[in-house]
């Protein structure tokens, strides 16, 4: 990390967004753990790929908040800091709308999403694909892996070839797991 990047991170106030994300502590995940940890994991994946954009990192910390807690008071998000409106807009962009099925949602991001939305979706999916290693439902693993191959790999190819490579490796490892163990895709 360069001194300039370190300075940008030093000036970023992520703690208020982390506090908001604690509302997700009680929301469990198929892979175990809770949604709060997933939010922070998504942010660390962005840092791992050297994304230090404050809006992107802040949105990563709360990216599932509105989707998983629909009654959450959006005014709380909007009052956090001078960037909260942009953070909120990005969170909305990567949130599945009530009238969308999963393929429609992912297609919307792939075809109409901003660059930040695509980057955030890829980091989110990397976190989710890693978590699949702890899922015991082969049908879920198969569906999620194929959904990643069809919808998310093309997004990653558009925005970050390193993320694309990691996702491609995760897709192949999950496919290998399913075929090696001769697990039914149900």
N, C-alpha and C. Protein backbone atom coordinates (compact mmCIF):
# COMPACT_ATOMS: atom_id res chain seq x y z
N UNK A 1 0.85 -1.17 0.00
CA UNK A 1 0.00 0.00 0.00
C UNK A 1 0.90 1.24 0.00
N UNK A 2 0.56 2.18 -0.83
CA UNK A 2 1.34 3.40 -0.92
C UNK A 2 1.00 4.35 0.23
N UNK A 3 1.89 5.30 0.51
CA UNK A 3 1.58 6.29 1.56
C UNK A 3 0.29 7.07 1.25
N UNK A 4 0.05 7.37 -0.03
CA UNK A 4 -1.19 8.08 -0.39
C UNK A 4 -2.42 7.24 -0.09
N UNK A 5 -2.35 5.95 -0.42
CA UNK A 5 -3.47 5.06 -0.13
C UNK A 5 -3.69 4.94 1.38
N UNK A 6 -2.60 4.86 2.11
CA UNK A 6 -2.71 4.76 3.57
C UNK A 6 -3.35 6.02 4.13
N UNK A 7 -2.98 7.18 3.59
CA UNK A 7 -3.58 8.44 4.04
C UNK A 7 -5.10 8.44 3.77
N UNK A 8 -5.50 7.97 2.59
CA UNK A 8 -6.93 7.91 2.25
C UNK A 8 -7.66 7.04 3.27
N UNK A 9 -7.10 5.87 3.57
CA UNK A 9 -7.73 4.98 4.54
C UNK A 9 -7.76 5.58 5.94
N UNK A 10 -6.72 6.29 6.32
CA UNK A 10 -6.68 6.92 7.64
C UNK A 10 -7.79 7.95 7.81
N UNK A 11 -8.12 8.62 6.73
CA UNK A 11 -9.13 9.67 6.79
C UNK A 11 -10.57 9.13 6.66
N UNK A 12 -10.70 7.86 6.32
CA UNK A 12 -12.02 7.27 6.11
C UNK A 12 -12.63 6.89 7.46
N UNK A 13 -13.88 7.20 7.63
CA UNK A 13 -14.57 6.87 8.88
C UNK A 13 -15.54 5.71 8.62
N UNK A 14 -15.01 4.50 8.82
CA UNK A 14 -15.79 3.30 8.55
C UNK A 14 -16.59 2.81 9.76
N UNK A 15 -16.16 3.18 10.95
CA UNK A 15 -16.78 2.67 12.18
C UNK A 15 -18.28 2.94 12.25
N UNK A 16 -18.78 4.11 11.86
CA UNK A 16 -20.23 4.31 11.93
C UNK A 16 -21.00 3.32 11.04
N UNK A 17 -20.43 2.97 9.91
CA UNK A 17 -21.08 2.00 9.03
C UNK A 17 -21.00 0.59 9.62
N UNK A 18 -19.89 0.30 10.29
CA UNK A 18 -19.78 -0.99 10.98
C UNK A 18 -20.84 -1.10 12.07
N UNK A 19 -21.06 -0.01 12.76
CA UNK A 19 -22.10 -0.02 13.79
C UNK A 19 -23.47 -0.29 13.17
N UNK A 20 -23.77 0.36 12.04
CA UNK A 20 -25.06 0.10 11.38
C UNK A 20 -25.18 -1.38 11.01
N UNK A 21 -24.09 -1.96 10.54
CA UNK A 21 -24.10 -3.36 10.11
C UNK A 21 -24.34 -4.34 11.25
N UNK A 22 -24.13 -3.90 12.49
CA UNK A 22 -24.38 -4.82 13.61
C UNK A 22 -25.84 -5.23 13.69
N UNK A 23 -26.72 -4.51 13.02
CA UNK A 23 -28.13 -4.90 12.96
C UNK A 23 -28.29 -6.26 12.28
N UNK A 24 -27.26 -6.69 11.54
CA UNK A 24 -27.32 -7.97 10.82
C UNK A 24 -26.75 -9.14 11.64
N UNK A 25 -26.32 -8.89 12.85
CA UNK A 25 -25.72 -9.96 13.66
C UNK A 25 -26.68 -11.13 13.85
N UNK A 26 -27.94 -10.90 14.01
CA UNK A 26 -28.90 -11.99 14.22
C UNK A 26 -29.34 -12.70 12.95
N UNK A 27 -28.92 -12.21 11.79
CA UNK A 27 -29.31 -12.82 10.51
C UNK A 27 -28.31 -13.90 10.15
N UNK A 28 -28.77 -15.17 10.16
CA UNK A 28 -27.85 -16.27 9.88
C UNK A 28 -27.71 -16.50 8.38
N UNK A 29 -26.66 -17.20 8.02
CA UNK A 29 -26.35 -17.51 6.62
C UNK A 29 -26.43 -19.03 6.43
N UNK A 30 -26.70 -19.44 5.21
CA UNK A 30 -26.76 -20.87 4.89
C UNK A 30 -25.44 -21.54 5.25
N UNK A 31 -24.33 -20.83 5.04
CA UNK A 31 -23.01 -21.38 5.32
C UNK A 31 -22.60 -21.29 6.78
N UNK A 32 -23.47 -20.74 7.61
CA UNK A 32 -23.14 -20.54 9.01
C UNK A 32 -22.67 -19.11 9.23
N UNK A 33 -22.48 -18.77 10.47
CA UNK A 33 -22.10 -17.39 10.79
C UNK A 33 -23.28 -16.46 10.64
N UNK A 34 -22.99 -15.18 10.56
CA UNK A 34 -24.07 -14.22 10.42
C UNK A 34 -23.74 -13.20 9.34
N UNK A 35 -24.75 -12.43 8.97
CA UNK A 35 -24.60 -11.47 7.88
C UNK A 35 -23.66 -10.33 8.22
N UNK A 36 -23.52 -10.00 9.49
CA UNK A 36 -22.58 -8.95 9.89
C UNK A 36 -21.16 -9.32 9.43
N UNK A 37 -20.76 -10.54 9.72
CA UNK A 37 -19.42 -10.98 9.34
C UNK A 37 -19.25 -10.95 7.82
N UNK A 38 -20.29 -11.32 7.10
CA UNK A 38 -20.24 -11.31 5.64
C UNK A 38 -20.01 -9.89 5.11
N UNK A 39 -20.63 -8.90 5.74
CA UNK A 39 -20.45 -7.51 5.30
C UNK A 39 -18.98 -7.11 5.41
N UNK A 40 -18.38 -7.43 6.56
CA UNK A 40 -16.98 -7.08 6.78
C UNK A 40 -16.05 -7.89 5.89
N UNK A 41 -16.40 -9.14 5.65
CA UNK A 41 -15.62 -9.98 4.74
C UNK A 41 -15.61 -9.39 3.33
N UNK A 42 -16.77 -8.91 2.89
CA UNK A 42 -16.87 -8.29 1.57
C UNK A 42 -15.97 -7.06 1.49
N UNK A 43 -15.96 -6.27 2.55
CA UNK A 43 -15.10 -5.09 2.57
C UNK A 43 -13.62 -5.49 2.52
N UNK A 44 -13.23 -6.53 3.25
CA UNK A 44 -11.82 -6.93 3.26
C UNK A 44 -11.39 -7.49 1.90
N UNK A 45 -12.31 -8.10 1.18
CA UNK A 45 -12.00 -8.57 -0.18
C UNK A 45 -11.69 -7.37 -1.07
N UNK A 46 -12.46 -6.30 -0.93
CA UNK A 46 -12.19 -5.08 -1.70
C UNK A 46 -10.81 -4.53 -1.35
N UNK A 47 -10.48 -4.50 -0.08
CA UNK A 47 -9.16 -4.02 0.32
C UNK A 47 -8.06 -4.93 -0.23
N UNK A 48 -8.31 -6.23 -0.21
CA UNK A 48 -7.35 -7.18 -0.75
C UNK A 48 -7.06 -6.90 -2.22
N UNK A 49 -8.05 -6.43 -2.95
CA UNK A 49 -7.88 -6.09 -4.36
C UNK A 49 -7.52 -4.61 -4.55
N UNK A 50 -7.13 -3.94 -3.47
CA UNK A 50 -6.63 -2.56 -3.48
C UNK A 50 -7.67 -1.53 -3.85
N UNK A 51 -8.95 -1.82 -3.57
CA UNK A 51 -9.99 -0.81 -3.74
C UNK A 51 -10.07 -0.02 -2.44
N UNK A 52 -9.80 1.28 -2.52
CA UNK A 52 -9.83 2.11 -1.33
C UNK A 52 -10.82 3.27 -1.47
N UNK A 53 -11.72 3.16 -2.39
CA UNK A 53 -12.76 4.16 -2.58
C UNK A 53 -13.68 4.14 -1.36
N UNK A 54 -13.85 5.29 -0.71
CA UNK A 54 -14.61 5.33 0.55
C UNK A 54 -16.07 4.95 0.36
N UNK A 55 -16.69 5.37 -0.71
CA UNK A 55 -18.10 5.03 -0.94
C UNK A 55 -18.25 3.52 -1.15
N UNK A 56 -17.35 2.95 -1.91
CA UNK A 56 -17.39 1.51 -2.16
C UNK A 56 -17.18 0.72 -0.87
N UNK A 57 -16.21 1.10 -0.06
CA UNK A 57 -15.95 0.37 1.19
C UNK A 57 -17.09 0.53 2.19
N UNK A 58 -17.62 1.74 2.30
CA UNK A 58 -18.73 1.96 3.20
C UNK A 58 -19.97 1.18 2.76
N UNK A 59 -20.23 1.17 1.47
CA UNK A 59 -21.37 0.41 0.95
C UNK A 59 -21.18 -1.09 1.18
N UNK A 60 -19.96 -1.57 1.06
CA UNK A 60 -19.69 -2.99 1.30
C UNK A 60 -20.07 -3.38 2.72
N UNK A 61 -19.81 -2.49 3.66
CA UNK A 61 -20.08 -2.78 5.07
C UNK A 61 -21.58 -2.92 5.35
N UNK A 62 -22.41 -2.26 4.55
CA UNK A 62 -23.87 -2.32 4.80
C UNK A 62 -24.64 -2.82 3.57
N UNK A 63 -23.97 -3.51 2.65
CA UNK A 63 -24.61 -3.82 1.37
C UNK A 63 -25.85 -4.70 1.46
N UNK A 64 -26.00 -5.48 2.51
CA UNK A 64 -27.19 -6.33 2.65
C UNK A 64 -28.20 -5.80 3.66
N UNK A 65 -27.93 -4.68 4.25
CA UNK A 65 -28.76 -4.16 5.32
C UNK A 65 -30.21 -3.93 4.89
N UNK A 66 -30.41 -3.25 3.79
CA UNK A 66 -31.77 -2.92 3.33
C UNK A 66 -32.48 -4.17 2.79
N UNK A 67 -31.74 -5.01 2.11
CA UNK A 67 -32.33 -6.23 1.55
C UNK A 67 -32.74 -7.21 2.65
N UNK A 68 -31.92 -7.34 3.67
CA UNK A 68 -32.19 -8.32 4.72
C UNK A 68 -33.05 -7.78 5.86
N UNK A 69 -33.09 -6.47 6.02
CA UNK A 69 -33.96 -5.85 7.03
C UNK A 69 -34.75 -4.75 6.33
N UNK A 70 -35.80 -5.12 5.58
CA UNK A 70 -36.54 -4.13 4.79
C UNK A 70 -37.11 -2.98 5.61
N UNK A 71 -37.40 -3.21 6.87
CA UNK A 71 -37.98 -2.16 7.70
C UNK A 71 -36.91 -1.24 8.31
N UNK A 72 -35.64 -1.47 7.97
CA UNK A 72 -34.56 -0.65 8.53
C UNK A 72 -34.79 0.82 8.19
N UNK A 73 -34.56 1.68 9.14
CA UNK A 73 -34.77 3.12 8.96
C UNK A 73 -33.67 3.69 8.06
N UNK A 74 -34.02 3.95 6.82
CA UNK A 74 -33.05 4.45 5.85
C UNK A 74 -32.49 5.82 6.23
N UNK A 75 -33.25 6.59 7.00
CA UNK A 75 -32.77 7.91 7.43
C UNK A 75 -31.53 7.80 8.31
N UNK A 76 -31.40 6.70 9.01
CA UNK A 76 -30.21 6.48 9.83
C UNK A 76 -28.99 6.39 8.91
N UNK A 77 -29.12 5.64 7.83
CA UNK A 77 -28.02 5.52 6.86
C UNK A 77 -27.71 6.89 6.25
N UNK A 78 -28.75 7.59 5.86
CA UNK A 78 -28.57 8.85 5.17
C UNK A 78 -27.97 9.95 6.04
N UNK A 79 -27.95 9.75 7.33
CA UNK A 79 -27.44 10.79 8.24
C UNK A 79 -26.04 10.48 8.78
N UNK A 80 -25.39 9.46 8.29
CA UNK A 80 -24.09 9.07 8.85
C UNK A 80 -22.99 10.10 8.59
N UNK A 81 -22.82 10.49 7.34
CA UNK A 81 -21.75 11.43 7.02
C UNK A 81 -22.04 12.11 5.68
N UNK A 82 -21.08 12.88 5.20
CA UNK A 82 -21.28 13.64 3.96
C UNK A 82 -21.37 12.75 2.72
N UNK A 83 -20.96 11.49 2.82
CA UNK A 83 -21.04 10.57 1.68
C UNK A 83 -22.22 9.61 1.76
N UNK A 84 -22.98 9.68 2.82
CA UNK A 84 -24.01 8.67 3.07
C UNK A 84 -25.05 8.58 1.96
N UNK A 85 -25.37 9.68 1.29
CA UNK A 85 -26.34 9.59 0.19
C UNK A 85 -25.80 8.75 -0.96
N UNK A 86 -24.52 8.92 -1.28
CA UNK A 86 -23.91 8.12 -2.35
C UNK A 86 -23.76 6.67 -1.92
N UNK A 87 -23.44 6.45 -0.66
CA UNK A 87 -23.34 5.09 -0.13
C UNK A 87 -24.71 4.41 -0.23
N UNK A 88 -25.73 5.11 0.19
CA UNK A 88 -27.10 4.59 0.16
C UNK A 88 -27.51 4.24 -1.28
N UNK A 89 -27.20 5.11 -2.23
CA UNK A 89 -27.54 4.85 -3.63
C UNK A 89 -26.85 3.59 -4.14
N UNK A 90 -25.59 3.40 -3.77
CA UNK A 90 -24.87 2.20 -4.19
C UNK A 90 -25.46 0.95 -3.53
N UNK A 91 -25.82 1.05 -2.27
CA UNK A 91 -26.45 -0.09 -1.59
C UNK A 91 -27.77 -0.44 -2.30
N UNK A 92 -28.56 0.56 -2.64
CA UNK A 92 -29.81 0.29 -3.37
C UNK A 92 -29.54 -0.38 -4.71
N UNK A 93 -28.49 0.08 -5.38
CA UNK A 93 -28.15 -0.47 -6.69
C UNK A 93 -27.80 -1.96 -6.62
N UNK A 94 -27.17 -2.39 -5.53
CA UNK A 94 -26.79 -3.80 -5.40
C UNK A 94 -27.79 -4.61 -4.58
N UNK A 95 -28.93 -4.00 -4.26
CA UNK A 95 -29.98 -4.71 -3.51
C UNK A 95 -31.02 -5.25 -4.48
N UNK A 96 -31.43 -6.47 -4.22
CA UNK A 96 -32.47 -7.08 -5.04
C UNK A 96 -33.81 -6.42 -4.72
N UNK A 97 -34.48 -6.00 -5.77
CA UNK A 97 -35.78 -5.34 -5.61
C UNK A 97 -36.86 -6.40 -5.40
N UNK A 98 -37.93 -6.02 -4.72
CA UNK A 98 -39.00 -7.01 -4.43
C UNK A 98 -39.60 -7.65 -5.69
N UNK A 99 -39.59 -6.95 -6.81
CA UNK A 99 -40.19 -7.49 -8.02
C UNK A 99 -39.19 -8.24 -8.91
N UNK A 100 -37.97 -8.46 -8.43
CA UNK A 100 -36.93 -9.12 -9.23
C UNK A 100 -36.67 -10.53 -8.73
N UNK A 101 -36.54 -11.47 -9.68
CA UNK A 101 -36.00 -12.77 -9.30
C UNK A 101 -34.47 -12.66 -9.40
N UNK A 102 -33.77 -13.69 -8.98
CA UNK A 102 -32.31 -13.62 -8.93
C UNK A 102 -31.69 -13.38 -10.30
N UNK A 103 -32.10 -14.10 -11.36
CA UNK A 103 -31.51 -13.82 -12.68
C UNK A 103 -31.77 -12.39 -13.16
N UNK A 104 -32.96 -11.85 -12.90
CA UNK A 104 -33.26 -10.47 -13.30
C UNK A 104 -32.37 -9.49 -12.54
N UNK A 105 -32.20 -9.73 -11.26
CA UNK A 105 -31.35 -8.89 -10.42
C UNK A 105 -29.91 -8.86 -10.93
N UNK A 106 -29.35 -10.05 -11.15
CA UNK A 106 -27.96 -10.12 -11.60
C UNK A 106 -27.79 -9.57 -13.02
N UNK A 107 -28.78 -9.79 -13.86
CA UNK A 107 -28.73 -9.23 -15.22
C UNK A 107 -28.78 -7.71 -15.17
N UNK A 108 -29.60 -7.16 -14.28
CA UNK A 108 -29.67 -5.70 -14.14
C UNK A 108 -28.30 -5.14 -13.77
N UNK A 109 -27.63 -5.76 -12.84
CA UNK A 109 -26.31 -5.26 -12.45
C UNK A 109 -25.32 -5.45 -13.60
N UNK A 110 -25.36 -6.61 -14.25
CA UNK A 110 -24.43 -6.88 -15.35
C UNK A 110 -24.61 -5.88 -16.49
N UNK A 111 -25.84 -5.59 -16.85
CA UNK A 111 -26.11 -4.77 -18.03
C UNK A 111 -26.23 -3.27 -17.73
N UNK A 112 -26.65 -2.92 -16.52
CA UNK A 112 -26.92 -1.50 -16.24
C UNK A 112 -26.24 -0.98 -14.99
N UNK A 113 -25.52 -1.83 -14.30
CA UNK A 113 -24.90 -1.41 -13.05
C UNK A 113 -23.72 -0.48 -13.27
N UNK A 114 -23.51 0.38 -12.30
CA UNK A 114 -22.33 1.24 -12.32
C UNK A 114 -21.09 0.39 -12.09
N UNK A 115 -19.95 0.97 -12.35
CA UNK A 115 -18.70 0.23 -12.13
C UNK A 115 -18.57 -0.16 -10.65
N UNK A 116 -18.93 0.74 -9.75
CA UNK A 116 -18.85 0.43 -8.31
C UNK A 116 -19.80 -0.70 -7.94
N UNK A 117 -20.99 -0.71 -8.52
CA UNK A 117 -21.95 -1.79 -8.23
C UNK A 117 -21.39 -3.13 -8.69
N UNK A 118 -20.77 -3.14 -9.84
CA UNK A 118 -20.19 -4.39 -10.37
C UNK A 118 -19.03 -4.87 -9.51
N UNK A 119 -18.18 -3.94 -9.10
CA UNK A 119 -17.06 -4.31 -8.23
C UNK A 119 -17.58 -4.87 -6.90
N UNK A 120 -18.56 -4.18 -6.32
CA UNK A 120 -19.12 -4.63 -5.04
C UNK A 120 -19.80 -5.98 -5.19
N UNK A 121 -20.53 -6.19 -6.26
CA UNK A 121 -21.20 -7.49 -6.49
C UNK A 121 -20.17 -8.60 -6.62
N UNK A 122 -19.07 -8.34 -7.28
CA UNK A 122 -18.03 -9.37 -7.42
C UNK A 122 -17.39 -9.71 -6.08
N UNK A 123 -17.09 -8.70 -5.27
CA UNK A 123 -16.52 -8.95 -3.94
C UNK A 123 -17.52 -9.72 -3.07
N UNK A 124 -18.78 -9.34 -3.15
CA UNK A 124 -19.85 -10.03 -2.43
C UNK A 124 -19.91 -11.50 -2.85
N UNK A 125 -19.84 -11.74 -4.14
CA UNK A 125 -19.94 -13.12 -4.63
C UNK A 125 -18.70 -13.93 -4.28
N UNK A 126 -17.53 -13.31 -4.26
CA UNK A 126 -16.33 -14.03 -3.82
C UNK A 126 -16.53 -14.50 -2.38
N UNK A 127 -17.00 -13.61 -1.52
CA UNK A 127 -17.28 -13.99 -0.14
C UNK A 127 -18.28 -15.14 -0.07
N UNK A 128 -19.35 -15.04 -0.84
CA UNK A 128 -20.37 -16.09 -0.84
C UNK A 128 -19.85 -17.41 -1.38
N UNK A 129 -19.04 -17.36 -2.42
CA UNK A 129 -18.51 -18.60 -3.00
C UNK A 129 -17.53 -19.27 -2.03
N UNK A 130 -16.75 -18.49 -1.32
CA UNK A 130 -15.85 -19.07 -0.32
C UNK A 130 -16.68 -19.75 0.77
N UNK A 131 -17.77 -19.12 1.17
CA UNK A 131 -18.64 -19.69 2.20
C UNK A 131 -19.31 -20.98 1.77
N UNK A 132 -19.43 -21.20 0.46
CA UNK A 132 -20.05 -22.45 -0.01
C UNK A 132 -19.28 -23.68 0.46
N UNK A 133 -18.02 -23.51 0.83
CA UNK A 133 -17.25 -24.63 1.35
C UNK A 133 -17.81 -25.17 2.65
N UNK A 134 -18.71 -24.41 3.29
CA UNK A 134 -19.30 -24.82 4.56
C UNK A 134 -20.78 -25.21 4.42
N UNK A 135 -21.28 -25.19 3.17
CA UNK A 135 -22.68 -25.54 2.91
C UNK A 135 -22.76 -27.04 2.64
N UNK A 136 -23.79 -27.69 3.18
CA UNK A 136 -23.92 -29.15 3.01
C UNK A 136 -25.03 -29.54 2.03
N UNK A 137 -25.75 -28.58 1.49
CA UNK A 137 -26.83 -28.87 0.54
C UNK A 137 -26.27 -28.82 -0.88
N UNK A 138 -26.07 -29.99 -1.49
CA UNK A 138 -25.47 -30.02 -2.83
C UNK A 138 -26.31 -29.29 -3.89
N UNK A 139 -27.61 -29.31 -3.75
CA UNK A 139 -28.47 -28.61 -4.69
C UNK A 139 -28.22 -27.11 -4.64
N UNK A 140 -28.09 -26.58 -3.43
CA UNK A 140 -27.81 -25.15 -3.26
C UNK A 140 -26.44 -24.81 -3.85
N UNK A 141 -25.45 -25.63 -3.55
CA UNK A 141 -24.10 -25.40 -4.07
C UNK A 141 -24.11 -25.38 -5.59
N UNK A 142 -24.79 -26.35 -6.19
CA UNK A 142 -24.85 -26.43 -7.65
C UNK A 142 -25.54 -25.22 -8.26
N UNK A 143 -26.69 -24.85 -7.70
CA UNK A 143 -27.44 -23.68 -8.23
C UNK A 143 -26.62 -22.40 -8.10
N UNK A 144 -26.02 -22.21 -6.95
CA UNK A 144 -25.27 -20.99 -6.69
C UNK A 144 -24.02 -20.92 -7.58
N UNK A 145 -23.38 -22.05 -7.77
CA UNK A 145 -22.18 -22.10 -8.61
C UNK A 145 -22.54 -21.79 -10.05
N UNK A 146 -23.61 -22.37 -10.56
CA UNK A 146 -24.00 -22.10 -11.95
C UNK A 146 -24.47 -20.66 -12.12
N UNK A 147 -25.16 -20.13 -11.14
CA UNK A 147 -25.58 -18.73 -11.17
C UNK A 147 -24.35 -17.82 -11.24
N UNK A 148 -23.32 -18.16 -10.50
CA UNK A 148 -22.09 -17.39 -10.53
C UNK A 148 -21.43 -17.46 -11.90
N UNK A 149 -21.39 -18.66 -12.47
CA UNK A 149 -20.77 -18.83 -13.79
C UNK A 149 -21.52 -18.05 -14.87
N UNK A 150 -22.84 -18.08 -14.83
CA UNK A 150 -23.65 -17.46 -15.87
C UNK A 150 -23.73 -15.94 -15.72
N UNK A 151 -23.90 -15.45 -14.51
CA UNK A 151 -24.17 -14.02 -14.31
C UNK A 151 -23.00 -13.21 -13.75
N UNK A 152 -22.27 -13.77 -12.82
CA UNK A 152 -21.26 -12.96 -12.12
C UNK A 152 -19.90 -12.99 -12.81
N UNK A 153 -19.51 -14.13 -13.39
CA UNK A 153 -18.24 -14.15 -14.11
C UNK A 153 -18.18 -13.11 -15.23
N UNK A 154 -19.25 -12.92 -16.00
CA UNK A 154 -19.20 -11.86 -17.02
C UNK A 154 -19.06 -10.45 -16.43
N UNK A 155 -19.64 -10.23 -15.26
CA UNK A 155 -19.48 -8.94 -14.59
C UNK A 155 -18.02 -8.75 -14.20
N UNK A 156 -17.44 -9.77 -13.59
CA UNK A 156 -16.04 -9.69 -13.17
C UNK A 156 -15.11 -9.49 -14.36
N UNK A 157 -15.43 -10.14 -15.45
CA UNK A 157 -14.61 -9.99 -16.65
C UNK A 157 -14.61 -8.53 -17.14
N UNK A 158 -15.73 -7.84 -16.94
CA UNK A 158 -15.84 -6.43 -17.35
C UNK A 158 -15.02 -5.50 -16.45
N UNK A 159 -14.89 -5.84 -15.17
CA UNK A 159 -14.35 -4.85 -14.25
C UNK A 159 -13.01 -5.18 -13.60
N UNK A 160 -12.68 -6.47 -13.42
CA UNK A 160 -11.44 -6.79 -12.73
C UNK A 160 -11.05 -8.24 -13.04
N UNK A 161 -10.03 -8.40 -13.85
CA UNK A 161 -9.63 -9.74 -14.27
C UNK A 161 -9.08 -10.58 -13.10
N UNK A 162 -8.54 -9.94 -12.09
CA UNK A 162 -8.08 -10.70 -10.93
C UNK A 162 -9.27 -11.28 -10.15
N UNK A 163 -10.32 -10.49 -9.99
CA UNK A 163 -11.54 -11.00 -9.35
C UNK A 163 -12.15 -12.10 -10.23
N UNK A 164 -12.12 -11.88 -11.53
CA UNK A 164 -12.64 -12.89 -12.46
C UNK A 164 -11.90 -14.20 -12.28
N UNK A 165 -10.59 -14.14 -12.19
CA UNK A 165 -9.80 -15.35 -12.02
C UNK A 165 -10.15 -16.06 -10.72
N UNK A 166 -10.27 -15.29 -9.62
CA UNK A 166 -10.63 -15.92 -8.35
C UNK A 166 -12.01 -16.56 -8.41
N UNK A 167 -12.97 -15.86 -8.97
CA UNK A 167 -14.31 -16.43 -9.10
C UNK A 167 -14.31 -17.67 -9.99
N UNK A 168 -13.55 -17.62 -11.06
CA UNK A 168 -13.45 -18.77 -11.96
C UNK A 168 -12.89 -19.98 -11.22
N UNK A 169 -11.86 -19.76 -10.41
CA UNK A 169 -11.28 -20.84 -9.60
C UNK A 169 -12.29 -21.38 -8.59
N UNK A 170 -13.05 -20.48 -7.97
CA UNK A 170 -14.06 -20.91 -7.00
C UNK A 170 -15.17 -21.72 -7.68
N UNK A 171 -15.60 -21.29 -8.86
CA UNK A 171 -16.62 -22.04 -9.61
C UNK A 171 -16.09 -23.44 -9.94
N UNK A 172 -14.87 -23.50 -10.45
CA UNK A 172 -14.31 -24.80 -10.81
C UNK A 172 -14.12 -25.70 -9.60
N UNK A 173 -13.70 -25.14 -8.47
CA UNK A 173 -13.51 -25.97 -7.27
C UNK A 173 -14.83 -26.52 -6.77
N UNK A 174 -15.90 -25.72 -6.85
CA UNK A 174 -17.21 -26.20 -6.41
C UNK A 174 -17.75 -27.25 -7.37
N UNK A 175 -17.54 -27.05 -8.65
CA UNK A 175 -17.96 -28.06 -9.64
C UNK A 175 -17.20 -29.37 -9.41
N UNK A 176 -15.92 -29.26 -9.14
CA UNK A 176 -15.10 -30.45 -8.90
C UNK A 176 -15.57 -31.18 -7.65
N UNK A 177 -15.88 -30.42 -6.62
CA UNK A 177 -16.39 -31.01 -5.39
C UNK A 177 -17.67 -31.80 -5.66
N UNK A 178 -18.57 -31.19 -6.42
CA UNK A 178 -19.83 -31.86 -6.73
C UNK A 178 -19.61 -33.11 -7.56
N UNK A 179 -18.73 -33.05 -8.56
CA UNK A 179 -18.53 -34.21 -9.44
C UNK A 179 -17.65 -35.28 -8.78
N UNK A 180 -16.64 -34.88 -8.02
CA UNK A 180 -15.75 -35.84 -7.36
C UNK A 180 -16.52 -36.69 -6.37
N UNK A 181 -17.40 -36.05 -5.67
CA UNK A 181 -18.18 -36.76 -4.66
C UNK A 181 -19.45 -37.35 -5.24
N UNK A 182 -19.60 -37.20 -6.57
CA UNK A 182 -20.78 -37.71 -7.28
C UNK A 182 -22.05 -37.28 -6.57
N UNK A 183 -22.07 -36.01 -6.22
CA UNK A 183 -23.18 -35.45 -5.47
C UNK A 183 -24.26 -35.02 -6.46
N UNK A 184 -25.47 -35.36 -6.14
CA UNK A 184 -26.61 -34.98 -6.97
C UNK A 184 -26.84 -33.48 -6.91
N UNK A 185 -27.20 -32.88 -8.04
CA UNK A 185 -27.48 -31.46 -8.09
C UNK A 185 -28.93 -31.16 -7.74
N UNK A 186 -29.75 -32.14 -7.60
CA UNK A 186 -31.17 -32.03 -7.24
C UNK A 186 -31.84 -30.92 -7.96
